[in-house]
Amino acid sequence: MMRSLALSLVLLLPATAGWCGDNGWQSPVLGYLVTQDPLELRPISGIPGAAVRGEPLPLPEGLTALRLAPGPRYALAERGDPIPPAVLLLDGGTPAVLPLEGVLTGAGLVAFSPSATSAALYSARERRLQVLAGLPSRPQIVRDLPWNEPAALAVSDDAQSLLASDASGTVSLLAADGGTQFLFRAREPGALAFLPNRADALILDRDEVYLLGGLDGAVSSRLLASGLERPAELLAAAGGKSALVTDRDGLRVWWIDIASATLQAVDVPAGPLRLEPLRLADAFLISAEPGEPAWLLVRGGAQMRSYFIPAAQAEGRDSQ
């Protein structure tokens, strides 16, 4: 049975518009930077090529960790056992915390759907897997089942399709009734990602990327790219027409056109230690170490460009 979690609806302004904060008109917010020790949340304001990181936003007491959702319009906030996590709504002003009753605490593995409308959480301690739908304003726990140590998870935007891989590379579709369907045997465990608003998913298998289609019916697979050197992270871009893969060495991103199965390699000036979608379409935060400059990767037409964001002078002092 679905458990509805009553939360307040918060209007969120688009990144292309400014917002009126306590001190008047402010720059548009492209995204956010999170550091975990000490826990800080800083907005990235402005536009690519003229973006800056702001001062840390005031966070409610008791938060222990933050996981930014793609977008990002919200984050999942850990508050320490035995308190369940919460949704931290991000509207450019002071973040608002909305509790999530009954949600797993201390989930070591969290996967957001491409549009961040759903999420899958796994707790190794409890050996339980949960799926949340309706994020961020009307979340529901739509699945809560026992599971044994997935290597990777992926969930669709409608929360109906859930993928899990294990240590052997077996990728399975978890049905709503708790049953499983074998889909794919990878040579080693790799990343999984759904396409936005579709029951189609991407699988990273060593140096190859496959598209699994029709997970809500007749399943098919198609090779999209091969020969990737030491790939690491996999992500579907906005619109579901392309995918991005980072390399493990940290100086390259591959852009894959899904329709034509063509591959474009792009060298980047800083290690893509992360690949976080920003509020602009096809814009990603690829590097943001405390006390160091941050870098954005933005695609416009057939070109991909990197943009520099200066480091904040005070950032990272307490953690050094």
C-alpha atoms as a PDB file:
ATOM      1  CA  MET A   1       0.000   0.000   0.000  1.00  0.00           C
ATOM      2  CA  MET A   2       1.238   3.482  -0.836  1.00  0.00           C
ATOM      3  CA  ARG A   3       1.823   5.788   2.101  1.00  0.00           C
ATOM      4  CA  SER A   4       1.188   9.410   1.244  1.00  0.00           C
ATOM      5  CA  LEU A   5       3.554  11.862   2.882  1.00  0.00           C
ATOM      6  CA  ALA A   6       1.785  15.186   3.356  1.00  0.00           C
ATOM      7  CA  LEU A   7       4.138  17.980   2.373  1.00  0.00           C
ATOM      8  CA  SER A   8       3.616  21.623   1.538  1.00  0.00           C
ATOM      9  CA  LEU A   9       3.751  22.673  -2.115  1.00  0.00           C
ATOM     10  CA  VAL A  10       6.508  25.188  -2.819  1.00  0.00           C
ATOM     11  CA  LEU A  11       6.672  27.214  -6.029  1.00  0.00           C
ATOM     12  CA  LEU A  12      10.113  27.106  -7.617  1.00  0.00           C
ATOM     13  CA  LEU A  13      11.314  29.796 -10.007  1.00  0.00           C
ATOM     14  CA  PRO A  14      13.129  28.906 -13.239  1.00  0.00           C
ATOM     15  CA  ALA A  15      16.871  29.321 -13.399  1.00  0.00           C
ATOM     16  CA  THR A  16      16.568  31.816 -16.240  1.00  0.00           C
ATOM     17  CA  ALA A  17      14.806  34.336 -13.999  1.00  0.00           C
ATOM     18  CA  GLY A  18      16.141  36.246 -11.041  1.00  0.00           C
ATOM     19  CA  TRP A  19      14.559  35.911  -7.651  1.00  0.00           C
ATOM     20  CA  CYS A  20      13.745  38.465  -5.019  1.00  0.00           C
ATOM     21  CA  GLY A  21      15.530  37.572  -1.778  1.00  0.00           C
ATOM     22  CA  ASP A  22      15.863  39.376   1.534  1.00  0.00           C
ATOM     23  CA  ASN A  23      18.251  41.892   0.016  1.00  0.00           C
ATOM     24  CA  GLY A  24      16.330  42.528  -3.207  1.00  0.00           C
ATOM     25  CA  TRP A  25      16.864  41.300  -6.752  1.00  0.00           C
ATOM     26  CA  GLN A  26      19.426  38.529  -7.063  1.00  0.00           C
ATOM     27  CA  SER A  27      21.148  36.690  -9.906  1.00  0.00           C
ATOM     28  CA  PRO A  28      19.556  33.499 -11.285  1.00  0.00           C
ATOM     29  CA  VAL A  29      20.632  30.305  -9.541  1.00  0.00           C
ATOM     30  CA  LEU A  30      22.235  27.747 -11.870  1.00  0.00           C
ATOM     31  CA  GLY A  31      22.745  25.113  -9.200  1.00  0.00           C
ATOM     32  CA  TYR A  32      24.417  24.397  -5.877  1.00  0.00           C
ATOM     33  CA  LEU A  33      27.708  23.220  -4.425  1.00  0.00           C
ATOM     34  CA  VAL A  34      27.729  20.839  -1.473  1.00  0.00           C
ATOM     35  CA  THR A  35      30.616  20.047   0.853  1.00  0.00           C
ATOM     36  CA  GLN A  36      30.044  17.387   3.482  1.00  0.00           C
ATOM     37  CA  ASP A  37      32.772  18.209   6.021  1.00  0.00           C
ATOM     38  CA  PRO A  38      31.909  20.790   7.135  1.00  0.00           C
ATOM     39  CA  LEU A  39      28.384  20.551   5.726  1.00  0.00           C
ATOM     40  CA  GLU A  40      27.829  23.579   3.471  1.00  0.00           C
ATOM     41  CA  LEU A  41      25.437  24.450   0.661  1.00  0.00           C
ATOM     42  CA  ARG A  42      26.414  27.300  -1.679  1.00  0.00           C
ATOM     43  CA  PRO A  43      24.426  28.584  -4.678  1.00  0.00           C
ATOM     44  CA  ILE A  44      26.015  28.975  -8.119  1.00  0.00           C
ATOM     45  CA  SER A  45      24.613  32.244  -9.427  1.00  0.00           C
ATOM     46  CA  GLY A  46      24.783  34.025 -12.760  1.00  0.00           C
ATOM     47  CA  ILE A  47      25.187  32.549 -16.232  1.00  0.00           C
ATOM     48  CA  PRO A  48      27.858  30.283 -17.772  1.00  0.00           C
ATOM     49  CA  GLY A  49      30.960  32.370 -18.334  1.00  0.00           C
ATOM     50  CA  ALA A  50      29.963  34.825 -15.599  1.00  0.00           C
ATOM     51  CA  ALA A  51      28.959  32.552 -12.729  1.00  0.00           C
ATOM     52  CA  VAL A  52      30.050  32.876  -9.110  1.00  0.00           C
ATOM     53  CA  ARG A  53      29.575  30.779  -5.996  1.00  0.00           C
ATOM     54  CA  GLY A  54      27.674  32.465  -3.221  1.00  0.00           C
ATOM     55  CA  GLU A  55      27.973  32.448   0.520  1.00  0.00           C
ATOM     56  CA  PRO A  56      26.841  29.308   2.410  1.00  0.00           C
ATOM     57  CA  LEU A  57      23.094  29.192   2.878  1.00  0.00           C
ATOM     58  CA  PRO A  58      21.706  28.825   6.408  1.00  0.00           C
ATOM     59  CA  LEU A  59      20.877  25.170   7.012  1.00  0.00           C
ATOM     60  CA  PRO A  60      18.475  23.836   9.637  1.00  0.00           C
ATOM     61  CA  GLU A  61      20.099  22.270  12.676  1.00  0.00           C
ATOM     62  CA  GLY A  62      20.634  18.526  12.796  1.00  0.00           C
ATOM     63  CA  LEU A  63      21.470  17.849   9.146  1.00  0.00           C
ATOM     64  CA  THR A  64      24.351  15.402   8.700  1.00  0.00           C
ATOM     65  CA  ALA A  65      24.590  14.993   4.891  1.00  0.00           C
ATOM     66  CA  LEU A  66      23.026  16.292   1.673  1.00  0.00           C
ATOM     67  CA  ARG A  67      22.417  14.540  -1.659  1.00  0.00           C
ATOM     68  CA  LEU A  68      21.529  16.963  -4.464  1.00  0.00           C
ATOM     69  CA  ALA A  69      18.839  15.813  -6.866  1.00  0.00           C
ATOM     70  CA  PRO A  70      19.336  16.464 -10.589  1.00  0.00           C
ATOM     71  CA  GLY A  71      18.153  19.914 -11.459  1.00  0.00           C
ATOM     72  CA  PRO A  72      18.621  20.775  -8.665  1.00  0.00           C
ATOM     73  CA  ARG A  73      15.367  21.886  -7.050  1.00  0.00           C
ATOM     74  CA  TYR A  74      15.828  19.905  -3.862  1.00  0.00           C
ATOM     75  CA  ALA A  75      18.180  17.673  -1.909  1.00  0.00           C
ATOM     76  CA  LEU A  76      17.662  14.650   0.304  1.00  0.00           C
ATOM     77  CA  ALA A  77      18.945  15.561   3.761  1.00  0.00           C
ATOM     78  CA  GLU A  78      20.157  12.983   6.279  1.00  0.00           C
ATOM     79  CA  ARG A  79      19.502  13.851   9.921  1.00  0.00           C
ATOM     80  CA  GLY A  80      21.154  10.930  11.717  1.00  0.00           C
ATOM     81  CA  ASP A  81      19.609   7.815  13.270  1.00  0.00           C
ATOM     82  CA  PRO A  82      16.872   7.288  14.194  1.00  0.00           C
ATOM     83  CA  ILE A  83      15.422  10.391  12.481  1.00  0.00           C
ATOM     84  CA  PRO A  84      14.189   9.766   8.907  1.00  0.00           C
ATOM     85  CA  PRO A  85      15.667  11.896   6.104  1.00  0.00           C
ATOM     86  CA  ALA A  86      13.931  14.975   4.765  1.00  0.00           C
ATOM     87  CA  VAL A  87      13.434  16.902   1.551  1.00  0.00           C
ATOM     88  CA  LEU A  88      15.390  20.160   1.513  1.00  0.00           C
ATOM     89  CA  LEU A  89      13.581  22.442  -0.945  1.00  0.00           C
ATOM     90  CA  LEU A  90      15.862  24.834  -2.830  1.00  0.00           C
ATOM     91  CA  ASP A  91      14.188  27.902  -4.285  1.00  0.00           C
ATOM     92  CA  GLY A  92      17.150  30.289  -4.239  1.00  0.00           C
ATOM     93  CA  GLY A  93      16.333  31.565  -0.753  1.00  0.00           C
ATOM     94  CA  THR A  94      16.591  29.943   2.658  1.00  0.00           C
ATOM     95  CA  PRO A  95      16.098  26.165   2.234  1.00  0.00           C
ATOM     96  CA  ALA A  96      12.981  24.633   3.779  1.00  0.00           C
ATOM     97  CA  VAL A  97      13.033  21.165   5.390  1.00  0.00           C
ATOM     98  CA  LEU A  98      10.077  18.819   4.951  1.00  0.00           C
ATOM     99  CA  PRO A  99      10.257  15.499   6.869  1.00  0.00           C
ATOM    100  CA  LEU A 100       9.803  12.115   5.169  1.00  0.00           C
ATOM    101  CA  GLU A 101       8.073   9.750   7.552  1.00  0.00           C
ATOM    102  CA  GLY A 102       8.899   6.069   7.191  1.00  0.00           C
ATOM    103  CA  VAL A 103      11.819   6.543   4.799  1.00  0.00           C
ATOM    104  CA  LEU A 104      15.033   4.557   5.332  1.00  0.00           C
ATOM    105  CA  THR A 105      17.721   6.189   7.452  1.00  0.00           C
ATOM    106  CA  GLY A 106      21.381   5.913   6.535  1.00  0.00           C
ATOM    107  CA  ALA A 107      20.817   4.753   2.950  1.00  0.00           C
ATOM    108  CA  GLY A 108      24.258   4.091   1.493  1.00  0.00           C
ATOM    109  CA  LEU A 109      23.017   3.975  -2.101  1.00  0.00           C
ATOM    110  CA  VAL A 110      20.632   6.599  -3.504  1.00  0.00           C
ATOM    111  CA  ALA A 111      19.598   6.903  -7.167  1.00  0.00           C
ATOM    112  CA  PHE A 112      17.448   9.762  -8.479  1.00  0.00           C
ATOM    113  CA  SER A 113      15.372   9.487 -11.630  1.00  0.00           C
ATOM    114  CA  PRO A 114      16.482  11.739 -14.540  1.00  0.00           C
ATOM    115  CA  SER A 115      13.928  14.452 -13.758  1.00  0.00           C
ATOM    116  CA  ALA A 116      14.255  13.893  -9.987  1.00  0.00           C
ATOM    117  CA  THR A 117      10.561  13.055  -9.591  1.00  0.00           C
ATOM    118  CA  SER A 118      11.419   9.712  -7.987  1.00  0.00           C
ATOM    119  CA  ALA A 119      14.300   8.128  -6.096  1.00  0.00           C
ATOM    120  CA  ALA A 120      15.486   4.678  -5.017  1.00  0.00           C
ATOM    121  CA  LEU A 121      17.208   4.184  -1.644  1.00  0.00           C
ATOM    122  CA  TYR A 122      19.032   1.142  -0.320  1.00  0.00           C
ATOM    123  CA  SER A 123      20.151   0.457   3.260  1.00  0.00           C
ATOM    124  CA  ALA A 124      22.787  -2.263   3.636  1.00  0.00           C
ATOM    125  CA  ARG A 125      22.215  -2.345   7.379  1.00  0.00           C
ATOM    126  CA  GLU A 126      18.506  -3.125   6.989  1.00  0.00           C
ATOM    127  CA  ARG A 127      18.879  -4.902   3.622  1.00  0.00           C
ATOM    128  CA  ARG A 128      15.886  -2.951   2.368  1.00  0.00           C
ATOM    129  CA  LEU A 129      15.115  -1.083  -0.815  1.00  0.00           C
ATOM    130  CA  GLN A 130      12.600   1.749  -1.070  1.00  0.00           C
ATOM    131  CA  VAL A 131      11.272   3.754  -4.008  1.00  0.00           C
ATOM    132  CA  LEU A 132       9.836   7.241  -3.567  1.00  0.00           C
ATOM    133  CA  ALA A 133       7.544   8.809  -6.168  1.00  0.00           C
ATOM    134  CA  GLY A 134       6.051  12.302  -6.421  1.00  0.00           C
ATOM    135  CA  LEU A 135       9.197  14.168  -5.385  1.00  0.00           C
ATOM    136  CA  PRO A 136       9.732  16.789  -4.183  1.00  0.00           C
ATOM    137  CA  SER A 137       6.317  18.163  -3.174  1.00  0.00           C
ATOM    138  CA  ARG A 138       4.112  15.050  -2.904  1.00  0.00           C
ATOM    139  CA  PRO A 139       6.340  12.065  -2.132  1.00  0.00           C
ATOM    140  CA  GLN A 140       4.958   8.581  -1.640  1.00  0.00           C
ATOM    141  CA  ILE A 141       6.681   5.341  -0.688  1.00  0.00           C
ATOM    142  CA  VAL A 142       5.583   3.145  -3.587  1.00  0.00           C
ATOM    143  CA  ARG A 143       7.897   0.185  -2.924  1.00  0.00           C
ATOM    144  CA  ASP A 144       9.467  -1.179   0.245  1.00  0.00           C
ATOM    145  CA  LEU A 145      11.041  -4.601  -0.118  1.00  0.00           C
ATOM    146  CA  PRO A 146      13.946  -6.721   1.134  1.00  0.00           C
ATOM    147  CA  TRP A 147      16.968  -6.786  -1.176  1.00  0.00           C
ATOM    148  CA  ASN A 148      20.537  -7.986  -1.007  1.00  0.00           C
ATOM    149  CA  GLU A 149      23.374  -5.528  -1.724  1.00  0.00           C
ATOM    150  CA  PRO A 150      22.857  -4.007  -5.195  1.00  0.00           C
ATOM    151  CA  ALA A 151      25.949  -2.673  -6.957  1.00  0.00           C
ATOM    152  CA  ALA A 152      23.921   0.016  -8.766  1.00  0.00           C
ATOM    153  CA  LEU A 153      20.319   1.232  -8.974  1.00  0.00           C
ATOM    154  CA  ALA A 154      18.264   3.236 -11.462  1.00  0.00           C
ATOM    155  CA  VAL A 155      14.621   4.322 -11.325  1.00  0.00           C
ATOM    156  CA  SER A 156      12.369   5.820 -13.987  1.00  0.00           C
ATOM    157  CA  ASP A 157      10.653   9.187 -13.639  1.00  0.00           C
ATOM    158  CA  ASP A 158       7.249   7.561 -13.100  1.00  0.00           C
ATOM    159  CA  ALA A 159       8.784   5.217 -10.470  1.00  0.00           C
ATOM    160  CA  GLN A 160       7.295   2.201 -12.286  1.00  0.00           C
ATOM    161  CA  SER A 161      10.570   0.772 -13.616  1.00  0.00           C
ATOM    162  CA  LEU A 162      13.414  -0.078 -11.254  1.00  0.00           C
ATOM    163  CA  LEU A 163      16.766  -1.563 -12.272  1.00  0.00           C
ATOM    164  CA  ALA A 164      19.335  -3.180  -9.997  1.00  0.00           C
ATOM    165  CA  SER A 165      22.689  -4.765 -10.774  1.00  0.00           C
ATOM    166  CA  ASP A 166      24.685  -7.099  -8.538  1.00  0.00           C
ATOM    167  CA  ALA A 167      28.366  -7.810  -8.027  1.00  0.00           C
ATOM    168  CA  SER A 168      28.396 -10.322 -10.907  1.00  0.00           C
ATOM    169  CA  GLY A 169      27.133  -7.754 -13.428  1.00  0.00           C
ATOM    170  CA  THR A 170      23.600  -9.173 -13.649  1.00  0.00           C
ATOM    171  CA  VAL A 171      21.057  -6.417 -14.348  1.00  0.00           C
ATOM    172  CA  SER A 172      17.464  -7.146 -13.304  1.00  0.00           C
ATOM    173  CA  LEU A 173      14.138  -5.360 -13.557  1.00  0.00           C
ATOM    174  CA  LEU A 174      12.311  -5.304 -10.230  1.00  0.00           C
ATOM    175  CA  ALA A 175       8.572  -5.652 -10.710  1.00  0.00           C
ATOM    176  CA  ALA A 176       6.038  -3.827  -8.562  1.00  0.00           C
ATOM    177  CA  ASP A 177       4.914  -7.168  -7.081  1.00  0.00           C
ATOM    178  CA  GLY A 178       8.448  -7.913  -5.875  1.00  0.00           C
ATOM    179  CA  GLY A 179       9.368 -10.271  -8.705  1.00  0.00           C
ATOM    180  CA  THR A 180      12.502  -9.886 -10.809  1.00  0.00           C
ATOM    181  CA  GLN A 181      13.207 -10.222 -14.526  1.00  0.00           C
ATOM    182  CA  PHE A 182      16.701 -10.847 -15.878  1.00  0.00           C
ATOM    183  CA  LEU A 183      17.622  -8.211 -18.500  1.00  0.00           C
ATOM    184  CA  PHE A 184      21.347  -8.076 -19.141  1.00  0.00           C
ATOM    185  CA  ARG A 185      24.637  -9.727 -18.195  1.00  0.00           C
ATOM    186  CA  ALA A 186      27.458  -7.175 -18.022  1.00  0.00           C
ATOM    187  CA  ARG A 187      31.103  -8.193 -17.953  1.00  0.00           C
ATOM    188  CA  GLU A 188      31.458  -6.256 -14.696  1.00  0.00           C
ATOM    189  CA  PRO A 189      29.182  -4.041 -12.569  1.00  0.00           C
ATOM    190  CA  GLY A 190      28.662  -0.642 -14.171  1.00  0.00           C
ATOM    191  CA  ALA A 191      26.478   2.450 -13.988  1.00  0.00           C
ATOM    192  CA  LEU A 192      22.752   2.431 -14.832  1.00  0.00           C
ATOM    193  CA  ALA A 193      20.605   5.381 -15.949  1.00  0.00           C
ATOM    194  CA  PHE A 194      17.065   5.833 -17.259  1.00  0.00           C
ATOM    195  CA  LEU A 195      16.150   8.265 -20.017  1.00  0.00           C
ATOM    196  CA  PRO A 196      13.854  11.141 -18.950  1.00  0.00           C
ATOM    197  CA  ASN A 197      10.137  10.243 -18.923  1.00  0.00           C
ATOM    198  CA  ARG A 198      10.744   6.914 -20.650  1.00  0.00           C
ATOM    199  CA  ALA A 199      10.976   3.222 -19.758  1.00  0.00           C
ATOM    200  CA  ASP A 200      14.306   2.996 -21.603  1.00  0.00           C
ATOM    201  CA  ALA A 201      17.620   2.746 -19.796  1.00  0.00           C
ATOM    202  CA  LEU A 202      21.366   2.982 -20.381  1.00  0.00           C
ATOM    203  CA  ILE A 203      23.904   0.424 -19.138  1.00  0.00           C
ATOM    204  CA  LEU A 204      27.638   0.983 -18.875  1.00  0.00           C
ATOM    205  CA  ASP A 205      29.367  -2.356 -19.478  1.00  0.00           C
ATOM    206  CA  ARG A 206      33.140  -1.963 -19.104  1.00  0.00           C
ATOM    207  CA  ASP A 207      34.060   0.045 -22.256  1.00  0.00           C
ATOM    208  CA  GLU A 208      30.605  -0.070 -23.891  1.00  0.00           C
ATOM    209  CA  VAL A 209      27.242   1.650 -23.453  1.00  0.00           C
ATOM    210  CA  TYR A 210      23.977  -0.127 -24.302  1.00  0.00           C
ATOM    211  CA  LEU A 211      20.410   1.120 -24.607  1.00  0.00           C
ATOM    212  CA  LEU A 212      17.741  -1.160 -23.144  1.00  0.00           C
ATOM    213  CA  GLY A 213      14.373  -0.308 -24.687  1.00  0.00           C
ATOM    214  CA  GLY A 214      10.823  -1.289 -23.851  1.00  0.00           C
ATOM    215  CA  LEU A 215      11.256  -2.131 -20.180  1.00  0.00           C
ATOM    216  CA  ASP A 216       7.491  -1.758 -19.834  1.00  0.00           C
ATOM    217  CA  GLY A 217       6.940  -4.374 -22.569  1.00  0.00           C
ATOM    218  CA  ALA A 218       9.123  -6.180 -25.120  1.00  0.00           C
ATOM    219  CA  VAL A 219      12.716  -5.560 -24.042  1.00  0.00           C
ATOM    220  CA  SER A 220      15.396  -4.882 -26.657  1.00  0.00           C
ATOM    221  CA  SER A 221      19.078  -3.919 -26.438  1.00  0.00           C
ATOM    222  CA  ARG A 222      21.264  -1.825 -28.746  1.00  0.00           C
ATOM    223  CA  LEU A 223      24.950  -0.984 -28.607  1.00  0.00           C
ATOM    224  CA  LEU A 224      25.445   2.801 -28.556  1.00  0.00           C
ATOM    225  CA  ALA A 225      29.192   3.195 -28.014  1.00  0.00           C
ATOM    226  CA  SER A 226      32.309   1.100 -27.565  1.00  0.00           C
ATOM    227  CA  GLY A 227      36.020   1.610 -26.995  1.00  0.00           C
ATOM    228  CA  LEU A 228      35.577   3.975 -24.044  1.00  0.00           C
ATOM    229  CA  GLU A 229      38.790   4.144 -22.027  1.00  0.00           C
ATOM    230  CA  ARG A 230      38.243   3.687 -18.295  1.00  0.00           C
ATOM    231  CA  PRO A 231      34.655   5.027 -18.149  1.00  0.00           C
ATOM    232  CA  ALA A 232      33.218   5.913 -14.765  1.00  0.00           C
ATOM    233  CA  GLU A 233      29.926   7.803 -14.514  1.00  0.00           C
ATOM    234  CA  LEU A 234      26.920   7.619 -16.847  1.00  0.00           C
ATOM    235  CA  LEU A 235      24.084  10.124 -17.186  1.00  0.00           C
ATOM    236  CA  ALA A 236      21.216  10.801 -19.597  1.00  0.00           C
ATOM    237  CA  ALA A 237      21.083  14.402 -20.824  1.00  0.00           C
ATOM    238  CA  ALA A 238      17.956  16.553 -20.892  1.00  0.00           C
ATOM    239  CA  GLY A 239      15.394  15.473 -23.478  1.00  0.00           C
ATOM    240  CA  GLY A 240      16.664  11.897 -23.529  1.00  0.00           C
ATOM    241  CA  LYS A 241      18.382  12.299 -26.889  1.00  0.00           C
ATOM    242  CA  SER A 242      21.936  11.925 -25.635  1.00  0.00           C
ATOM    243  CA  ALA A 243      24.053  10.548 -22.796  1.00  0.00           C
ATOM    244  CA  LEU A 244      27.284  11.551 -21.069  1.00  0.00           C
ATOM    245  CA  VAL A 245      30.072   9.350 -19.740  1.00  0.00           C
ATOM    246  CA  THR A 246      33.059  10.520 -17.698  1.00  0.00           C
ATOM    247  CA  ASP A 247      36.435   8.818 -17.670  1.00  0.00           C
ATOM    248  CA  ARG A 248      38.016   7.449 -14.527  1.00  0.00           C
ATOM    249  CA  ASP A 249      41.208   9.457 -15.035  1.00  0.00           C
ATOM    250  CA  GLY A 250      39.251  12.680 -14.861  1.00  0.00           C
ATOM    251  CA  LEU A 251      40.099  14.651 -18.004  1.00  0.00           C
ATOM    252  CA  ARG A 252      37.547  13.579 -20.598  1.00  0.00           C
ATOM    253  CA  VAL A 253      33.789  13.420 -21.138  1.00  0.00           C
ATOM    254  CA  TRP A 254      32.108  11.459 -23.916  1.00  0.00           C
ATOM    255  CA  TRP A 255      28.852  12.719 -25.426  1.00  0.00           C
ATOM    256  CA  ILE A 256      26.738   9.995 -27.080  1.00  0.00           C
ATOM    257  CA  ASP A 257      23.958  10.786 -29.558  1.00  0.00           C
ATOM    258  CA  ILE A 258      21.419   8.039 -28.905  1.00  0.00           C
ATOM    259  CA  ALA A 259      19.566   8.137 -32.244  1.00  0.00           C
ATOM    260  CA  SER A 260      22.697   7.914 -34.421  1.00  0.00           C
ATOM    261  CA  ALA A 261      24.902   6.038 -31.898  1.00  0.00           C
ATOM    262  CA  THR A 262      27.723   8.513 -32.548  1.00  0.00           C
ATOM    263  CA  LEU A 263      30.357   9.406 -29.982  1.00  0.00           C
ATOM    264  CA  GLN A 264      32.070  12.735 -29.314  1.00  0.00           C
ATOM    265  CA  ALA A 265      35.042  12.951 -26.921  1.00  0.00           C
ATOM    266  CA  VAL A 266      35.623  16.262 -25.152  1.00  0.00           C
ATOM    267  CA  ASP A 267      38.722  17.090 -23.120  1.00  0.00           C
ATOM    268  CA  VAL A 268      37.958  19.115 -19.999  1.00  0.00           C
ATOM    269  CA  PRO A 269      40.293  21.353 -17.949  1.00  0.00           C
ATOM    270  CA  ALA A 270      39.606  19.706 -14.605  1.00  0.00           C
ATOM    271  CA  GLY A 271      38.814  16.238 -13.402  1.00  0.00           C
ATOM    272  CA  PRO A 272      35.099  15.415 -13.733  1.00  0.00           C
ATOM    273  CA  LEU A 273      34.877  14.220 -10.155  1.00  0.00           C
ATOM    274  CA  ARG A 274      31.125  14.630 -10.499  1.00  0.00           C
ATOM    275  CA  LEU A 275      28.532  14.972 -13.223  1.00  0.00           C
ATOM    276  CA  GLU A 276      25.618  16.938 -11.799  1.00  0.00           C
ATOM    277  CA  PRO A 277      22.876  18.391 -14.027  1.00  0.00           C
ATOM    278  CA  LEU A 278      22.247  22.085 -13.406  1.00  0.00           C
ATOM    279  CA  ARG A 279      19.006  23.986 -13.905  1.00  0.00           C
ATOM    280  CA  LEU A 280      19.885  24.876 -17.498  1.00  0.00           C
ATOM    281  CA  ALA A 281      19.369  22.158 -20.097  1.00  0.00           C
ATOM    282  CA  ASP A 282      22.577  20.318 -21.006  1.00  0.00           C
ATOM    283  CA  ALA A 283      24.615  22.132 -18.351  1.00  0.00           C
ATOM    284  CA  PHE A 284      26.596  20.151 -15.771  1.00  0.00           C
ATOM    285  CA  LEU A 285      28.822  20.762 -12.787  1.00  0.00           C
ATOM    286  CA  ILE A 286      31.897  18.594 -13.443  1.00  0.00           C
ATOM    287  CA  SER A 287      34.367  19.670 -10.753  1.00  0.00           C
ATOM    288  CA  ALA A 288      34.085  21.581  -7.481  1.00  0.00           C
ATOM    289  CA  GLU A 289      36.662  20.779  -4.832  1.00  0.00           C
ATOM    290  CA  PRO A 290      36.595  22.868  -1.611  1.00  0.00           C
ATOM    291  CA  GLY A 291      38.875  25.877  -1.953  1.00  0.00           C
ATOM    292  CA  GLU A 292      39.434  25.215  -5.672  1.00  0.00           C
ATOM    293  CA  PRO A 293      37.840  26.691  -8.798  1.00  0.00           C
ATOM    294  CA  ALA A 294      34.723  24.922 -10.057  1.00  0.00           C
ATOM    295  CA  TRP A 295      34.015  24.034 -13.669  1.00  0.00           C
ATOM    296  CA  LEU A 296      30.819  23.790 -15.695  1.00  0.00           C
ATOM    297  CA  LEU A 297      30.318  21.841 -18.910  1.00  0.00           C
ATOM    298  CA  VAL A 298      27.638  23.266 -21.225  1.00  0.00           C
ATOM    299  CA  ARG A 299      26.473  21.983 -24.599  1.00  0.00           C
ATOM    300  CA  GLY A 300      25.143  24.422 -27.186  1.00  0.00           C
ATOM    301  CA  GLY A 301      24.332  23.000 -30.601  1.00  0.00           C
ATOM    302  CA  ALA A 302      27.166  20.687 -31.589  1.00  0.00           C
ATOM    303  CA  GLN A 303      29.703  22.331 -29.270  1.00  0.00           C
ATOM    304  CA  MET A 304      30.580  21.596 -25.653  1.00  0.00           C
ATOM    305  CA  ARG A 305      32.335  24.290 -23.653  1.00  0.00           C
ATOM    306  CA  SER A 306      33.888  24.442 -20.197  1.00  0.00           C
ATOM    307  CA  TYR A 307      33.321  27.466 -17.966  1.00  0.00           C
ATOM    308  CA  PHE A 308      35.368  28.512 -14.946  1.00  0.00           C
ATOM    309  CA  ILE A 309      33.876  29.535 -11.588  1.00  0.00           C
ATOM    310  CA  PRO A 310      36.344  31.231  -9.185  1.00  0.00           C
ATOM    311  CA  ALA A 311      36.869  29.747  -5.752  1.00  0.00           C
ATOM    312  CA  ALA A 312      35.384  31.530  -2.764  1.00  0.00           C
ATOM    313  CA  GLN A 313      38.130  32.852  -0.494  1.00  0.00           C
ATOM    314  CA  ALA A 314      36.704  31.428   2.708  1.00  0.00           C
ATOM    315  CA  GLU A 315      35.568  28.109   1.222  1.00  0.00           C
ATOM    316  CA  GLY A 316      37.222  25.036   2.612  1.00  0.00           C
ATOM    317  CA  ARG A 317      39.218  26.802   5.368  1.00  0.00           C
ATOM    318  CA  ASP A 318      37.506  24.928   8.146  1.00  0.00           C
ATOM    319  CA  SER A 319      38.138  21.579   6.456  1.00  0.00           C
ATOM    320  CA  GLN A 320      41.837  22.124   5.779  1.00  0.00           C
END
